[in-house]
Full PDB file with SEQRES, HELIX, SHEET, SSBOND, CRYST1, ORIGX, SCALE, CONECT and MASTER records, all heavy atoms in Angstrom:
SEQRES   1 A   42  ARG PRO ASP LEU ILE ALA TYR GLY THR SER GLY GLN HIS          
SEQRES   2 A   42  GLY SER TYR VAL TYR ARG SER THR GLY SER THR GLU ALA          
SEQRES   3 A   42  ALA THR PRO PHE ASN ARG ARG LEU THR ASP LEU TYR GLY          
SEQRES   4 A   42  TYR GLN GLY                                                  
SHEET    1 AA1 3 LEU A   4  TYR A   7  0                                        
SHEET    2 AA1 3 SER A  15  SER A  20 -1                                        
SHEET    3 AA1 3 PHE A  30  ARG A  33 -1                                        
CRYST1    1.000    1.000    1.000  90.00  90.00  90.00 P 1           1          
ORIGX1      1.000000  0.000000  0.000000        0.00000                         
ORIGX2      0.000000  1.000000  0.000000        0.00000                         
ORIGX3      0.000000  0.000000  1.000000        0.00000                         
SCALE1      1.000000  0.000000  0.000000        0.00000                         
SCALE2      0.000000  1.000000  0.000000        0.00000                         
SCALE3      0.000000  0.000000  1.000000        0.00000                         
ATOM      1  N   ARG A   1      80.849 101.849  89.806  1.00  0.00           N  
ATOM      2  CA  ARG A   1      81.501 101.714  88.500  1.00  0.00           C  
ATOM      3  C   ARG A   1      82.520 100.577  88.537  1.00  0.00           C  
ATOM      4  O   ARG A   1      83.259 100.444  89.519  1.00  0.00           O  
ATOM      5  CB  ARG A   1      82.201 103.012  88.095  1.00  0.00           C  
ATOM      6  CG  ARG A   1      81.256 104.171  87.827  1.00  0.00           C  
ATOM      7  CD  ARG A   1      82.014 105.363  87.274  1.00  0.00           C  
ATOM      8  NE  ARG A   1      82.979 105.877  88.224  1.00  0.00           N  
ATOM      9  CZ  ARG A   1      82.744 106.866  89.075  1.00  0.00           C  
ATOM     10  NH1 ARG A   1      81.547 107.421  89.117  1.00  0.00           N  
ATOM     11  NH2 ARG A   1      83.681 107.286  89.899  1.00  0.00           N  
ATOM     12  N   PRO A   2      82.605  99.779  87.473  1.00  0.00           N  
ATOM     13  CA  PRO A   2      83.611  98.711  87.433  1.00  0.00           C  
ATOM     14  C   PRO A   2      85.008  99.284  87.263  1.00  0.00           C  
ATOM     15  O   PRO A   2      85.200 100.357  86.680  1.00  0.00           O  
ATOM     16  CB  PRO A   2      83.190  97.879  86.217  1.00  0.00           C  
ATOM     17  CG  PRO A   2      82.442  98.829  85.349  1.00  0.00           C  
ATOM     18  CD  PRO A   2      81.754  99.788  86.259  1.00  0.00           C  
ATOM     19  N   ASP A   3      85.994  98.550  87.764  1.00  0.00           N  
ATOM     20  CA  ASP A   3      87.377  99.017  87.783  1.00  0.00           C  
ATOM     21  C   ASP A   3      88.284  98.027  87.049  1.00  0.00           C  
ATOM     22  O   ASP A   3      87.828  97.027  86.493  1.00  0.00           O  
ATOM     23  CB  ASP A   3      87.827  99.216  89.231  1.00  0.00           C  
ATOM     24  CG  ASP A   3      86.925 100.179  89.993  1.00  0.00           C  
ATOM     25  OD1 ASP A   3      86.734 101.302  89.514  1.00  0.00           O  
ATOM     26  OD2 ASP A   3      86.385  99.789  91.046  1.00  0.00           O  
ATOM     27  N   LEU A   4      89.583  98.305  87.098  1.00  0.00           N  
ATOM     28  CA  LEU A   4      90.567  97.539  86.343  1.00  0.00           C  
ATOM     29  C   LEU A   4      91.734  97.190  87.258  1.00  0.00           C  
ATOM     30  O   LEU A   4      92.178  98.015  88.057  1.00  0.00           O  
ATOM     31  CB  LEU A   4      91.061  98.382  85.158  1.00  0.00           C  
ATOM     32  CG  LEU A   4      92.072  97.768  84.193  1.00  0.00           C  
ATOM     33  CD1 LEU A   4      91.421  96.679  83.347  1.00  0.00           C  
ATOM     34  CD2 LEU A   4      92.639  98.855  83.273  1.00  0.00           C  
ATOM     35  N   ILE A   5      92.225  95.943  87.147  1.00  0.00           N  
ATOM     36  CA  ILE A   5      93.441  95.532  87.840  1.00  0.00           C  
ATOM     37  C   ILE A   5      94.519  95.275  86.803  1.00  0.00           C  
ATOM     38  O   ILE A   5      94.292  94.590  85.804  1.00  0.00           O  
ATOM     39  CB  ILE A   5      93.199  94.273  88.686  1.00  0.00           C  
ATOM     40  CG1 ILE A   5      92.321  94.598  89.892  1.00  0.00           C  
ATOM     41  CG2 ILE A   5      94.520  93.660  89.152  1.00  0.00           C  
ATOM     42  CD1 ILE A   5      91.941  93.395  90.722  1.00  0.00           C  
ATOM     43  N   ALA A   6      95.705  95.849  87.032  1.00  0.00           N  
ATOM     44  CA  ALA A   6      96.848  95.654  86.139  1.00  0.00           C  
ATOM     45  C   ALA A   6      97.886  94.812  86.875  1.00  0.00           C  
ATOM     46  O   ALA A   6      98.319  95.168  87.969  1.00  0.00           O  
ATOM     47  CB  ALA A   6      97.429  97.000  85.734  1.00  0.00           C  
ATOM     48  N   TYR A   7      98.273  93.711  86.261  1.00  0.00           N  
ATOM     49  CA  TYR A   7      99.163  92.744  86.909  1.00  0.00           C  
ATOM     50  C   TYR A   7     100.472  92.625  86.150  1.00  0.00           C  
ATOM     51  O   TYR A   7     100.493  92.601  84.919  1.00  0.00           O  
ATOM     52  CB  TYR A   7      98.498  91.372  86.962  1.00  0.00           C  
ATOM     53  CG  TYR A   7      99.450  90.260  87.339  1.00  0.00           C  
ATOM     54  CD1 TYR A   7      99.888  90.114  88.655  1.00  0.00           C  
ATOM     55  CD2 TYR A   7      99.942  89.370  86.386  1.00  0.00           C  
ATOM     56  CE1 TYR A   7     100.778  89.117  89.005  1.00  0.00           C  
ATOM     57  CE2 TYR A   7     100.825  88.363  86.733  1.00  0.00           C  
ATOM     58  CZ  TYR A   7     101.238  88.243  88.043  1.00  0.00           C  
ATOM     59  OH  TYR A   7     102.129  87.257  88.398  1.00  0.00           O  
ATOM     60  N   GLY A   8     101.587  92.510  86.915  1.00  0.00           N  
ATOM     61  CA  GLY A   8     102.829  92.113  86.285  1.00  0.00           C  
ATOM     62  C   GLY A   8     104.007  93.024  86.479  1.00  0.00           C  
ATOM     63  O   GLY A   8     105.025  92.839  85.828  1.00  0.00           O  
ATOM     64  N   THR A   9     103.914  94.038  87.345  1.00  0.00           N  
ATOM     65  CA  THR A   9     105.100  94.829  87.623  1.00  0.00           C  
ATOM     66  C   THR A   9     105.968  94.095  88.628  1.00  0.00           C  
ATOM     67  O   THR A   9     105.528  93.210  89.339  1.00  0.00           O  
ATOM     68  CB  THR A   9     104.718  96.208  88.186  1.00  0.00           C  
ATOM     69  OG1 THR A   9     103.985  96.018  89.399  1.00  0.00           O  
ATOM     70  CG2 THR A   9     103.881  96.987  87.201  1.00  0.00           C  
ATOM     71  N   SER A  10     107.210  94.458  88.700  1.00  0.00           N  
ATOM     72  CA  SER A  10     108.122  93.848  89.654  1.00  0.00           C  
ATOM     73  C   SER A  10     108.193  94.711  90.904  1.00  0.00           C  
ATOM     74  O   SER A  10     107.592  95.778  90.975  1.00  0.00           O  
ATOM     75  CB  SER A  10     109.515  93.699  89.030  1.00  0.00           C  
ATOM     76  OG  SER A  10     110.004  94.975  88.639  1.00  0.00           O  
ATOM     77  N   GLY A  11     108.924  94.236  91.913  1.00  0.00           N  
ATOM     78  CA  GLY A  11     109.092  95.008  93.133  1.00  0.00           C  
ATOM     79  C   GLY A  11     107.954  94.812  94.101  1.00  0.00           C  
ATOM     80  O   GLY A  11     107.248  93.806  94.083  1.00  0.00           O  
ATOM     81  N   GLN A  12     107.755  95.796  94.967  1.00  0.00           N  
ATOM     82  CA  GLN A  12     106.791  95.654  96.053  1.00  0.00           C  
ATOM     83  C   GLN A  12     105.377  95.443  95.553  1.00  0.00           C  
ATOM     84  O   GLN A  12     104.630  94.642  96.096  1.00  0.00           O  
ATOM     85  CB  GLN A  12     106.839  96.895  96.956  1.00  0.00           C  
ATOM     86  CG  GLN A  12     105.822  96.840  98.098  1.00  0.00           C  
ATOM     87  CD  GLN A  12     105.879  98.080  98.967  1.00  0.00           C  
ATOM     88  OE1 GLN A  12     106.717  98.954  98.748  1.00  0.00           O  
ATOM     89  NE2 GLN A  12     104.994  98.161  99.940  1.00  0.00           N  
ATOM     90  N   HIS A  13     104.998  96.177  94.514  1.00  0.00           N  
ATOM     91  CA  HIS A  13     103.625  96.112  94.029  1.00  0.00           C  
ATOM     92  C   HIS A  13     103.548  95.175  92.825  1.00  0.00           C  
ATOM     93  O   HIS A  13     103.977  95.509  91.729  1.00  0.00           O  
ATOM     94  CB  HIS A  13     103.125  97.501  93.664  1.00  0.00           C  
ATOM     95  CG  HIS A  13     103.136  98.452  94.816  1.00  0.00           C  
ATOM     96  ND1 HIS A  13     102.306  98.316  95.907  1.00  0.00           N  
ATOM     97  CD2 HIS A  13     103.909  99.536  95.073  1.00  0.00           C  
ATOM     98  CE1 HIS A  13     102.548  99.282  96.775  1.00  0.00           C  
ATOM     99  NE2 HIS A  13     103.527 100.027  96.295  1.00  0.00           N  
ATOM    100  N   GLY A  14     102.986  93.981  93.057  1.00  0.00           N  
ATOM    101  CA  GLY A  14     102.816  93.036  91.958  1.00  0.00           C  
ATOM    102  C   GLY A  14     101.663  93.404  91.065  1.00  0.00           C  
ATOM    103  O   GLY A  14     101.480  92.842  89.999  1.00  0.00           O  
ATOM    104  N   SER A  15     100.849  94.361  91.499  1.00  0.00           N  
ATOM    105  CA  SER A  15      99.716  94.800  90.690  1.00  0.00           C  
ATOM    106  C   SER A  15      99.276  96.179  91.171  1.00  0.00           C  
ATOM    107  O   SER A  15      99.661  96.642  92.244  1.00  0.00           O  
ATOM    108  CB  SER A  15      98.558  93.806  90.788  1.00  0.00           C  
ATOM    109  OG  SER A  15      98.153  93.649  92.135  1.00  0.00           O  
ATOM    110  N   TYR A  16      98.464  96.816  90.342  1.00  0.00           N  
ATOM    111  CA  TYR A  16      97.862  98.100  90.681  1.00  0.00           C  
ATOM    112  C   TYR A  16      96.375  98.033  90.371  1.00  0.00           C  
ATOM    113  O   TYR A  16      95.926  97.240  89.524  1.00  0.00           O  
ATOM    114  CB  TYR A  16      98.489  99.243  89.884  1.00  0.00           C  
ATOM    115  CG  TYR A  16      99.876  99.632  90.343  1.00  0.00           C  
ATOM    116  CD1 TYR A  16     101.005  99.051  89.776  1.00  0.00           C  
ATOM    117  CD2 TYR A  16     100.051 100.582  91.342  1.00  0.00           C  
ATOM    118  CE1 TYR A  16     102.277  99.403  90.196  1.00  0.00           C  
ATOM    119  CE2 TYR A  16     101.331 100.942  91.768  1.00  0.00           C  
ATOM    120  CZ  TYR A  16     102.440 100.351  91.189  1.00  0.00           C  
ATOM    121  OH  TYR A  16     103.699 100.696  91.607  1.00  0.00           O  
ATOM    122  N   VAL A  17      95.629  98.878  91.042  1.00  0.00           N  
ATOM    123  CA  VAL A  17      94.217  99.038  90.767  1.00  0.00           C  
ATOM    124  C   VAL A  17      94.029 100.352  90.017  1.00  0.00           C  
ATOM    125  O   VAL A  17      94.597 101.380  90.399  1.00  0.00           O  
ATOM    126  CB  VAL A  17      93.390  99.062  92.071  1.00  0.00           C  
ATOM    127  CG1 VAL A  17      91.981  99.586  91.819  1.00  0.00           C  
ATOM    128  CG2 VAL A  17      93.326  97.676  92.674  1.00  0.00           C  
ATOM    129  N   TYR A  18      93.246 100.286  88.948  1.00  0.00           N  
ATOM    130  CA  TYR A  18      92.879 101.493  88.217  1.00  0.00           C  
ATOM    131  C   TYR A  18      91.389 101.718  88.406  1.00  0.00           C  
ATOM    132  O   TYR A  18      90.561 101.007  87.864  1.00  0.00           O  
ATOM    133  CB  TYR A  18      93.259 101.370  86.741  1.00  0.00           C  
ATOM    134  CG  TYR A  18      94.735 101.557  86.516  1.00  0.00           C  
ATOM    135  CD1 TYR A  18      95.625 100.504  86.680  1.00  0.00           C  
ATOM    136  CD2 TYR A  18      95.246 102.806  86.187  1.00  0.00           C  
ATOM    137  CE1 TYR A  18      96.990 100.685  86.501  1.00  0.00           C  
ATOM    138  CE2 TYR A  18      96.612 102.992  85.999  1.00  0.00           C  
ATOM    139  CZ  TYR A  18      97.477 101.929  86.155  1.00  0.00           C  
ATOM    140  OH  TYR A  18      98.831 102.108  85.988  1.00  0.00           O  
ATOM    141  N   ARG A  19      91.079 102.718  89.204  1.00  0.00           N  
ATOM    142  CA  ARG A  19      89.702 103.024  89.575  1.00  0.00           C  
ATOM    143  C   ARG A  19      89.028 103.822  88.463  1.00  0.00           C  
ATOM    144  O   ARG A  19      89.571 104.801  87.957  1.00  0.00           O  
ATOM    145  CB  ARG A  19      89.700 103.823  90.878  1.00  0.00           C  
ATOM    146  CG  ARG A  19      88.357 104.312  91.333  1.00  0.00           C  
ATOM    147  CD  ARG A  19      88.496 105.133  92.607  1.00  0.00           C  
ATOM    148  NE  ARG A  19      87.226 105.723  92.989  1.00  0.00           N  
ATOM    149  CZ  ARG A  19      86.819 106.914  92.559  1.00  0.00           C  
ATOM    150  NH1 ARG A  19      87.567 107.614  91.744  1.00  0.00           N  
ATOM    151  NH2 ARG A  19      85.654 107.391  92.952  1.00  0.00           N  
ATOM    152  N   SER A  20      87.823 103.398  88.078  1.00  0.00           N  
ATOM    153  CA  SER A  20      87.073 104.129  87.068  1.00  0.00           C  
ATOM    154  C   SER A  20      86.681 105.499  87.597  1.00  0.00           C  
ATOM    155  O   SER A  20      86.226 105.629  88.739  1.00  0.00           O  
ATOM    156  CB  SER A  20      85.810 103.364  86.667  1.00  0.00           C  
ATOM    157  OG  SER A  20      86.135 102.130  86.075  1.00  0.00           O  
ATOM    158  N   THR A  21      86.828 106.510  86.754  1.00  0.00           N  
ATOM    159  CA  THR A  21      86.463 107.863  87.144  1.00  0.00           C  
ATOM    160  C   THR A  21      85.081 108.266  86.636  1.00  0.00           C  
ATOM    161  O   THR A  21      84.522 109.261  87.091  1.00  0.00           O  
ATOM    162  CB  THR A  21      87.486 108.869  86.597  1.00  0.00           C  
ATOM    163  OG1 THR A  21      87.446 108.850  85.157  1.00  0.00           O  
ATOM    164  CG2 THR A  21      88.894 108.524  87.076  1.00  0.00           C  
ATOM    165  N   GLY A  22      84.552 107.515  85.645  1.00  0.00           N  
ATOM    166  CA  GLY A  22      83.272 107.892  85.040  1.00  0.00           C  
ATOM    167  C   GLY A  22      83.425 108.855  83.894  1.00  0.00           C  
ATOM    168  O   GLY A  22      82.436 109.236  83.248  1.00  0.00           O  
ATOM    169  N   SER A  23      84.649 109.249  83.587  1.00  0.00           N  
ATOM    170  CA  SER A  23      84.903 110.195  82.503  1.00  0.00           C  
ATOM    171  C   SER A  23      85.187 109.446  81.204  1.00  0.00           C  
ATOM    172  O   SER A  23      85.800 108.382  81.204  1.00  0.00           O  
ATOM    173  CB  SER A  23      86.095 111.083  82.848  1.00  0.00           C  
ATOM    174  OG  SER A  23      86.483 111.870  81.734  1.00  0.00           O  
ATOM    175  N   THR A  24      84.767 110.016  80.089  1.00  0.00           N  
ATOM    176  CA  THR A  24      85.055 109.432  78.783  1.00  0.00           C  
ATOM    177  C   THR A  24      86.130 110.219  78.043  1.00  0.00           C  
ATOM    178  O   THR A  24      86.436 109.924  76.890  1.00  0.00           O  
ATOM    179  CB  THR A  24      83.783 109.398  77.911  1.00  0.00           C  
ATOM    180  OG1 THR A  24      83.307 110.753  77.726  1.00  0.00           O  
ATOM    181  CG2 THR A  24      82.702 108.572  78.569  1.00  0.00           C  
ATOM    182  N   GLU A  25      86.686 111.216  78.704  1.00  0.00           N  
ATOM    183  CA  GLU A  25      87.712 112.020  78.056  1.00  0.00           C  
ATOM    184  C   GLU A  25      89.013 111.234  77.957  1.00  0.00           C  
ATOM    185  O   GLU A  25      89.287 110.328  78.746  1.00  0.00           O  
ATOM    186  CB  GLU A  25      87.955 113.308  78.857  1.00  0.00           C  
ATOM    187  CG  GLU A  25      86.728 114.191  78.994  1.00  0.00           C  
ATOM    188  CD  GLU A  25      86.234 114.701  77.659  1.00  0.00           C  
ATOM    189  OE1 GLU A  25      87.078 114.972  76.787  1.00  0.00           O  
ATOM    190  OE2 GLU A  25      85.006 114.821  77.482  1.00  0.00           O  
ATOM    191  N   ALA A  26      89.838 111.624  76.981  1.00  0.00           N  
ATOM    192  CA  ALA A  26      91.105 110.943  76.759  1.00  0.00           C  
ATOM    193  C   ALA A  26      91.981 111.005  78.003  1.00  0.00           C  
ATOM    194  O   ALA A  26      92.082 112.042  78.658  1.00  0.00           O  
ATOM    195  CB  ALA A  26      91.834 111.588  75.575  1.00  0.00           C  
ATOM    196  N   ALA A  27      92.591 109.882  78.324  1.00  0.00           N  
ATOM    197  CA  ALA A  27      93.576 109.742  79.411  1.00  0.00           C  
ATOM    198  C   ALA A  27      92.980 109.902  80.807  1.00  0.00           C  
ATOM    199  O   ALA A  27      93.714 109.960  81.782  1.00  0.00           O  
ATOM    200  CB  ALA A  27      94.728 110.723  79.231  1.00  0.00           C  
ATOM    201  N   THR A  28      91.632 109.964  80.946  1.00  0.00           N  
ATOM    202  CA  THR A  28      91.051 110.173  82.278  1.00  0.00           C  
ATOM    203  C   THR A  28      90.072 109.101  82.734  1.00  0.00           C  
ATOM    204  O   THR A  28      89.485 109.257  83.807  1.00  0.00           O  
ATOM    205  CB  THR A  28      90.329 111.530  82.338  1.00  0.00           C  
ATOM    206  OG1 THR A  28      89.284 111.550  81.351  1.00  0.00           O  
ATOM    207  CG2 THR A  28      91.286 112.678  82.102  1.00  0.00           C  
ATOM    208  N   PRO A  29      89.838 107.993  82.018  1.00  0.00           N  
ATOM    209  CA  PRO A  29      88.857 107.013  82.522  1.00  0.00           C  
ATOM    210  C   PRO A  29      89.282 106.313  83.798  1.00  0.00           C  
ATOM    211  O   PRO A  29      88.440 105.766  84.508  1.00  0.00           O  
ATOM    212  CB  PRO A  29      88.737 106.010  81.361  1.00  0.00           C  
ATOM    213  CG  PRO A  29      89.243 106.725  80.172  1.00  0.00           C  
ATOM    214  CD  PRO A  29      90.299 107.646  80.673  1.00  0.00           C  
ATOM    215  N   PHE A  30      90.592 106.305  84.102  1.00  0.00           N  
ATOM    216  CA  PHE A  30      91.075 105.562  85.263  1.00  0.00           C  
ATOM    217  C   PHE A  30      91.987 106.430  86.129  1.00  0.00           C  
ATOM    218  O   PHE A  30      92.708 107.296  85.635  1.00  0.00           O  
ATOM    219  CB  PHE A  30      91.845 104.313  84.836  1.00  0.00           C  
ATOM    220  CG  PHE A  30      91.022 103.311  84.094  1.00  0.00           C  
ATOM    221  CD1 PHE A  30      91.216 103.108  82.735  1.00  0.00           C  
ATOM    222  CD2 PHE A  30      90.042 102.569  84.736  1.00  0.00           C  
ATOM    223  CE1 PHE A  30      90.459 102.182  82.042  1.00  0.00           C  
ATOM    224  CE2 PHE A  30      89.278 101.651  84.050  1.00  0.00           C  
ATOM    225  CZ  PHE A  30      89.483 101.454  82.698  1.00  0.00           C  
ATOM    226  N   ASN A  31      91.966 106.123  87.413  1.00  0.00           N  
ATOM    227  CA  ASN A  31      92.803 106.792  88.399  1.00  0.00           C  
ATOM    228  C   ASN A  31      93.501 105.706  89.202  1.00  0.00           C  
ATOM    229  O   ASN A  31      92.856 104.897  89.857  1.00  0.00           O  
ATOM    230  CB  ASN A  31      91.934 107.664  89.310  1.00  0.00           C  
ATOM    231  CG  ASN A  31      92.741 108.492  90.275  1.00  0.00           C  
ATOM    232  OD1 ASN A  31      93.967 108.402  90.313  1.00  0.00           O  
ATOM    233  ND2 ASN A  31      92.053 109.295  91.064  1.00  0.00           N  
ATOM    234  N   ARG A  32      94.831 105.676  89.179  1.00  0.00           N  
ATOM    235  CA  ARG A  32      95.569 104.560  89.762  1.00  0.00           C  
ATOM    236  C   ARG A  32      95.561 104.601  91.282  1.00  0.00           C  
ATOM    237  O   ARG A  32      95.686 105.654  91.902  1.00  0.00           O  
ATOM    238  CB  ARG A  32      97.015 104.543  89.268  1.00  0.00           C  
ATOM    239  CG  ARG A  32      97.721 103.228  89.595  1.00  0.00           C  
ATOM    240  CD  ARG A  32      99.035 103.106  88.881  1.00  0.00           C  
ATOM    241  NE  ARG A  32     100.119 103.732  89.619  1.00  0.00           N  
ATOM    242  CZ  ARG A  32     101.417 103.533  89.346  1.00  0.00           C  
ATOM    243  NH1 ARG A  32     101.754 102.753  88.339  1.00  0.00           N  
ATOM    244  NH2 ARG A  32     102.343 104.142  90.037  1.00  0.00           N  
ATOM    245  N   ARG A  33      95.402 103.410  91.888  1.00  0.00           N  
ATOM    246  CA  ARG A  33      95.440 103.235  93.332  1.00  0.00           C  
ATOM    247  C   ARG A  33      96.348 102.051  93.663  1.00  0.00           C  
ATOM    248  O   ARG A  33      96.534 101.145  92.848  1.00  0.00           O  
ATOM    249  CB  ARG A  33      94.034 102.965  93.886  1.00  0.00           C  
ATOM    250  CG  ARG A  33      93.114 104.165  93.813  1.00  0.00           C  
ATOM    251  CD  ARG A  33      93.498 105.206  94.857  1.00  0.00           C  
ATOM    252  NE  ARG A  33      92.553 106.297  94.912  1.00  0.00           N  
ATOM    253  CZ  ARG A  33      92.644 107.405  94.202  1.00  0.00           C  
ATOM    254  NH1 ARG A  33      93.642 107.546  93.352  1.00  0.00           N  
ATOM    255  NH2 ARG A  33      91.757 108.369  94.327  1.00  0.00           N  
ATOM    256  N   LEU A  34      96.858 102.038  94.889  1.00  0.00           N  
ATOM    257  CA  LEU A  34      97.724 100.947  95.326  1.00  0.00           C  
ATOM    258  C   LEU A  34      96.890  99.771  95.820  1.00  0.00           C  
ATOM    259  O   LEU A  34      95.756  99.925  96.258  1.00  0.00           O  
ATOM    260  CB  LEU A  34      98.652 101.409  96.438  1.00  0.00           C  
ATOM    261  CG  LEU A  34      99.691 102.475  96.079  1.00  0.00           C  
ATOM    262  CD1 LEU A  34     100.493 102.842  97.313  1.00  0.00           C  
ATOM    263  CD2 LEU A  34     100.610 102.002  94.961  1.00  0.00           C  
ATOM    264  N   THR A  35      97.492  98.589  95.774  1.00  0.00           N  
ATOM    265  CA  THR A  35      96.901  97.386  96.354  1.00  0.00           C  
ATOM    266  C   THR A  35      98.018  96.460  96.796  1.00  0.00           C  
ATOM    267  O   THR A  35      99.120  96.485  96.225  1.00  0.00           O  
ATOM    268  CB  THR A  35      95.995  96.665  95.348  1.00  0.00           C  
ATOM    269  OG1 THR A  35      95.496  95.459  95.934  1.00  0.00           O  
ATOM    270  CG2 THR A  35      96.741  96.299  94.073  1.00  0.00           C  
ATOM    271  N   ASP A  36      97.753  95.659  97.829  1.00  0.00           N  
ATOM    272  CA  ASP A  36      98.737  94.660  98.248  1.00  0.00           C  
ATOM    273  C   ASP A  36      98.495  93.316  97.576  1.00  0.00           C  
ATOM    274  O   ASP A  36      99.141  92.329  97.906  1.00  0.00           O  
ATOM    275  CB  ASP A  36      98.760  94.508  99.761  1.00  0.00           C  
ATOM    276  CG  ASP A  36      97.413  94.095 100.350  1.00  0.00           C  
ATOM    277  OD1 ASP A  36      96.427  94.011  99.588  1.00  0.00           O  
ATOM    278  OD2 ASP A  36      97.337  93.860 101.567  1.00  0.00           O  
ATOM    279  N   LEU A  37      97.574  93.249  96.625  1.00  0.00           N  
ATOM    280  CA  LEU A  37      97.368  92.028  95.850  1.00  0.00           C  
ATOM    281  C   LEU A  37      98.624  91.721  95.044  1.00  0.00           C  
ATOM    282  O   LEU A  37      99.139  92.574  94.323  1.00  0.00           O  
ATOM    283  CB  LEU A  37      96.174  92.216  94.907  1.00  0.00           C  
ATOM    284  CG  LEU A  37      95.923  91.094  93.906  1.00  0.00           C  
ATOM    285  CD1 LEU A  37      95.466  89.824  94.621  1.00  0.00           C  
ATOM    286  CD2 LEU A  37      94.873  91.525  92.875  1.00  0.00           C  
ATOM    287  N   TYR A  38      99.130  90.505  95.193  1.00  0.00           N  
ATOM    288  CA  TYR A  38     100.314  90.022  94.474  1.00  0.00           C  
ATOM    289  C   TYR A  38     101.569  90.858  94.775  1.00  0.00           C  
ATOM    290  O   TYR A  38     102.423  91.041  93.914  1.00  0.00           O  
ATOM    291  CB  TYR A  38     100.072  89.977  92.963  1.00  0.00           C  
ATOM    292  CG  TYR A  38      98.882  89.159  92.558  1.00  0.00           C  
ATOM    293  CD1 TYR A  38      98.028  89.587  91.548  1.00  0.00           C  
ATOM    294  CD2 TYR A  38      98.588  87.964  93.206  1.00  0.00           C  
ATOM    295  CE1 TYR A  38      96.914  88.842  91.181  1.00  0.00           C  
ATOM    296  CE2 TYR A  38      97.481  87.220  92.843  1.00  0.00           C  
ATOM    297  CZ  TYR A  38      96.648  87.666  91.827  1.00  0.00           C  
ATOM    298  OH  TYR A  38      95.539  86.928  91.471  1.00  0.00           O  
ATOM    299  N   GLY A  39     101.653  91.388  96.000  1.00  0.00           N  
ATOM    300  CA  GLY A  39     102.864  92.089  96.382  1.00  0.00           C  
ATOM    301  C   GLY A  39     104.078  91.176  96.248  1.00  0.00           C  
ATOM    302  O   GLY A  39     104.066  90.049  96.739  1.00  0.00           O  
ATOM    303  N   TYR A  40     105.112  91.647  95.566  1.00  0.00           N  
ATOM    304  CA  TYR A  40     106.334  90.888  95.293  1.00  0.00           C  
ATOM    305  C   TYR A  40     106.063  89.606  94.501  1.00  0.00           C  
ATOM    306  O   TYR A  40     106.843  88.656  94.551  1.00  0.00           O  
ATOM    307  CB  TYR A  40     107.060  90.533  96.608  1.00  0.00           C  
ATOM    308  CG  TYR A  40     107.525  91.743  97.378  1.00  0.00           C  
ATOM    309  CD1 TYR A  40     106.842  92.157  98.514  1.00  0.00           C  
ATOM    310  CD2 TYR A  40     108.632  92.482  96.966  1.00  0.00           C  
ATOM    311  CE1 TYR A  40     107.258  93.279  99.233  1.00  0.00           C  
ATOM    312  CE2 TYR A  40     109.054  93.594  97.673  1.00  0.00           C  
ATOM    313  CZ  TYR A  40     108.367  93.987  98.803  1.00  0.00           C  
ATOM    314  OH  TYR A  40     108.767  95.093  99.501  1.00  0.00           O  
ATOM    315  N   GLN A  41     104.945  89.558  93.774  1.00  0.00           N  
ATOM    316  CA  GLN A  41     104.621  88.357  92.995  1.00  0.00           C  
ATOM    317  C   GLN A  41     104.343  88.702  91.534  1.00  0.00           C  
ATOM    318  O   GLN A  41     103.563  88.062  90.868  1.00  0.00           O  
ATOM    319  CB  GLN A  41     103.383  87.666  93.579  1.00  0.00           C  
ATOM    320  CG  GLN A  41     103.605  87.052  94.945  1.00  0.00           C  
ATOM    321  CD  GLN A  41     102.345  86.394  95.479  1.00  0.00           C  
ATOM    322  OE1 GLN A  41     101.296  87.009  95.598  1.00  0.00           O  
ATOM    323  NE2 GLN A  41     102.449  85.128  95.796  1.00  0.00           N  
ATOM    324  N   GLY A  42     104.997  89.719  91.037  1.00  0.00           N  
ATOM    325  CA  GLY A  42     104.725  90.185  89.686  1.00  0.00           C  
ATOM    326  C   GLY A  42     105.083  89.209  88.592  1.00  0.00           C  
ATOM    327  O   GLY A  42     104.693  89.409  87.448  1.00  0.00           O  
TER     328      GLY A  42                                                      
MASTER        0    0    0    0    3    0    0    6  327    1    0    4          
END                                                                             
């Protein structure tokens, strides 16, 4: 399943990964995961 990257927070995590869950229900299509992509580069 394709996923989503969210960019632009400050601090250690310059971005987050939102993993697709396969669900179409409200508020459940994505499950947030950590990534070191753009750490401190928000």
